[in-house]
Amino acid sequence: MPVSRPLAKRFHEKYAIDLATGCWNWTACLTRDGYGSIAMGAPSRKTALAHRVSYELLIGPIPEGLVIDHLCRNRACVNPAHLEVVPFAVNVLRGEGACAQHARRSTCGYGHPYDATRRDGKRRCLRCAADASARYRARKHAADA
């Protein structure tokens, strides 16, 4: 069975440094989401995400339950200075996805400020809530008449 080269050696051969951004751009295999991927070596046939391997090789173990956030927003970057260990929710809210965009909003869909919080922790617009209550009372009054 062939002996694979050490993971650290193979890792350092597979990125190019972008002097303008400081990113270490992964030049080998990328996942369909744009993250670097590296084979863990024989006898394992498993692969790992390159940014996680970078963090573990150059900084240390990733604590249980935490994920790696790319501070540079470049998924192909494996520079450990651009990687931070955070809870999953923090990683999502720092991103540009729908959840993160909604969390950053300070007004409802009608432009009124979110000025209250419901018991379940969700933000609430008091003006829209008052309008909805008024519509409900008007429907109820019309049905009773």
Protein backbone atom coordinates (compact mmCIF):
# COMPACT_ATOMS: atom_id res chain seq x y z
CA MET A 1 0.00 0.00 0.00
CA PRO A 2 1.49 3.40 -0.95
CA VAL A 3 2.37 5.79 1.85
CA SER A 4 0.91 9.24 1.37
CA ARG A 5 2.94 12.37 2.02
CA PRO A 6 2.27 14.16 5.31
CA LEU A 7 -0.95 16.16 5.37
CA ALA A 8 0.81 19.38 6.39
CA LYS A 9 3.18 19.19 3.42
CA ARG A 10 0.36 18.51 0.94
CA PHE A 11 -1.74 21.29 2.50
CA HIS A 12 0.96 23.97 2.06
CA GLU A 13 1.35 23.08 -1.64
CA LYS A 14 -2.31 23.76 -2.45
CA TYR A 15 -2.88 27.47 -1.92
CA ALA A 16 -1.70 30.73 -3.46
CA ILE A 17 -1.34 33.91 -1.45
CA ASP A 18 -3.22 36.96 -2.71
CA LEU A 19 -1.03 39.91 -1.66
CA ALA A 20 -3.87 42.41 -2.05
CA THR A 21 -6.28 40.67 0.35
CA GLY A 22 -3.98 38.43 2.38
CA CYS A 23 -6.16 35.45 1.50
CA TRP A 24 -4.55 32.07 0.99
CA ASN A 25 -6.72 30.96 -1.95
CA TRP A 26 -7.14 27.20 -2.24
CA THR A 27 -5.95 26.07 -5.67
CA ALA A 28 -6.91 22.38 -5.45
CA CYS A 29 -10.35 20.80 -5.37
CA LEU A 30 -13.30 22.99 -4.37
CA THR A 31 -16.71 21.82 -3.21
CA ARG A 32 -19.75 22.99 -5.17
CA ASP A 33 -20.20 25.65 -2.45
CA GLY A 34 -16.69 27.01 -3.08
CA TYR A 35 -14.87 25.60 -0.04
CA GLY A 36 -11.48 23.93 -0.45
CA SER A 37 -11.32 20.15 -0.03
CA ILE A 38 -8.31 17.98 0.76
CA ALA A 39 -7.85 14.20 0.98
CA MET A 40 -6.88 13.11 4.48
CA GLY A 41 -4.45 10.52 3.09
CA ALA A 42 -3.99 6.74 3.22
CA PRO A 43 -5.39 4.53 4.57
CA SER A 44 -8.42 6.82 5.00
CA ARG A 45 -10.28 7.71 1.83
CA LYS A 46 -11.98 10.63 3.51
CA THR A 47 -11.75 14.27 2.56
CA ALA A 48 -11.93 17.32 4.80
CA LEU A 49 -12.67 20.98 4.29
CA ALA A 50 -9.37 22.77 3.74
CA HIS A 51 -10.17 25.73 5.99
CA ARG A 52 -10.85 23.37 8.90
CA VAL A 53 -7.59 21.51 8.21
CA SER A 54 -5.77 24.87 8.10
CA TYR A 55 -7.18 25.91 11.46
CA GLU A 56 -6.35 22.58 13.10
CA LEU A 57 -2.83 22.42 11.64
CA LEU A 58 -1.84 26.00 12.39
CA ILE A 59 -3.92 27.05 15.41
CA GLY A 60 -5.33 24.01 17.18
CA PRO A 61 -8.40 21.84 17.56
CA ILE A 62 -11.84 23.21 16.77
CA PRO A 63 -13.93 23.03 19.97
CA GLU A 64 -16.95 20.73 19.89
CA GLY A 65 -20.12 22.45 18.69
CA LEU A 66 -18.35 25.39 17.05
CA VAL A 67 -17.74 26.17 13.37
CA ILE A 68 -15.19 28.17 11.38
CA ASP A 69 -16.21 31.60 10.11
CA HIS A 70 -14.35 33.18 7.19
CA LEU A 71 -13.83 36.78 8.33
CA CYS A 72 -12.74 37.68 4.79
CA ARG A 73 -16.01 36.24 3.34
CA ASN A 74 -13.88 34.20 0.85
CA ARG A 75 -14.86 30.53 1.11
CA ALA A 76 -11.71 29.39 -0.71
CA CYS A 77 -9.43 31.16 1.79
CA VAL A 78 -7.42 28.97 4.18
CA ASN A 79 -5.41 31.74 5.90
CA PRO A 80 -5.76 30.99 9.64
CA ALA A 81 -5.67 34.74 10.38
CA HIS A 82 -8.93 35.02 8.40
CA LEU A 83 -10.64 32.17 10.28
CA GLU A 84 -12.49 32.42 13.58
CA VAL A 85 -14.18 29.73 15.66
CA VAL A 86 -17.76 30.77 16.49
CA PRO A 87 -21.14 29.18 17.28
CA PHE A 88 -23.19 28.25 14.20
CA ALA A 89 -25.77 31.00 14.84
CA VAL A 90 -23.07 33.70 14.90
CA ASN A 91 -21.66 32.39 11.61
CA VAL A 92 -25.12 32.50 9.97
CA LEU A 93 -25.91 35.99 11.25
CA ARG A 94 -22.59 37.37 9.98
CA GLY A 95 -23.40 36.09 6.49
CA GLU A 96 -25.52 37.42 3.64
CA GLY A 97 -28.27 34.79 3.68
CA ALA A 98 -31.97 35.53 4.15
CA CYS A 99 -31.85 34.90 7.92
CA ALA A 100 -28.96 37.30 8.39
CA GLN A 101 -30.57 39.99 6.23
CA HIS A 102 -33.86 39.69 8.14
CA ALA A 103 -32.07 39.86 11.51
CA ARG A 104 -30.37 43.12 10.46
CA ARG A 105 -33.65 44.78 9.50
CA SER A 106 -34.93 47.41 11.90
CA THR A 107 -38.32 48.00 10.27
CA CYS A 108 -41.29 45.83 9.31
CA GLY A 109 -42.38 45.31 5.70
CA TYR A 110 -44.38 48.54 5.83
CA GLY A 111 -41.44 50.60 7.06
CA HIS A 112 -42.55 50.93 10.69
CA PRO A 113 -39.87 50.39 13.35
CA TYR A 114 -39.75 47.13 15.27
CA ASP A 115 -40.57 48.62 18.66
CA ALA A 116 -41.59 45.62 20.76
CA THR A 117 -40.69 42.01 21.41
CA ARG A 118 -43.19 39.18 21.70
CA ARG A 119 -43.03 36.63 24.52
CA ASP A 120 -41.37 34.15 22.14
CA GLY A 121 -38.55 36.64 21.48
CA LYS A 122 -39.62 37.68 17.97
CA ARG A 123 -39.55 41.37 17.07
CA ARG A 124 -42.86 43.13 16.61
CA CYS A 125 -44.18 46.29 15.03
CA LEU A 126 -46.79 47.78 17.38
CA ARG A 127 -48.46 49.84 14.65
CA CYS A 128 -49.04 46.76 12.45
CA ALA A 129 -50.21 44.79 15.50
CA ALA A 130 -52.71 47.55 16.35
CA ASP A 131 -53.93 47.66 12.72
CA ALA A 132 -54.38 43.87 12.69
CA SER A 133 -56.36 44.04 15.96
CA ALA A 134 -58.59 46.77 14.53
CA ARG A 135 -59.29 44.70 11.38
CA TYR A 136 -60.11 41.68 13.55
CA ARG A 137 -62.52 43.68 15.73
CA ALA A 138 -64.19 45.15 12.62
CA ARG A 139 -64.68 41.66 11.10
CA LYS A 140 -66.01 40.30 14.40
CA HIS A 141 -68.39 43.28 14.80
CA ALA A 142 -69.63 42.86 11.20
CA ALA A 143 -70.23 39.11 11.75
CA ASP A 144 -72.19 39.77 14.99
CA ALA A 145 -74.45 42.36 13.31
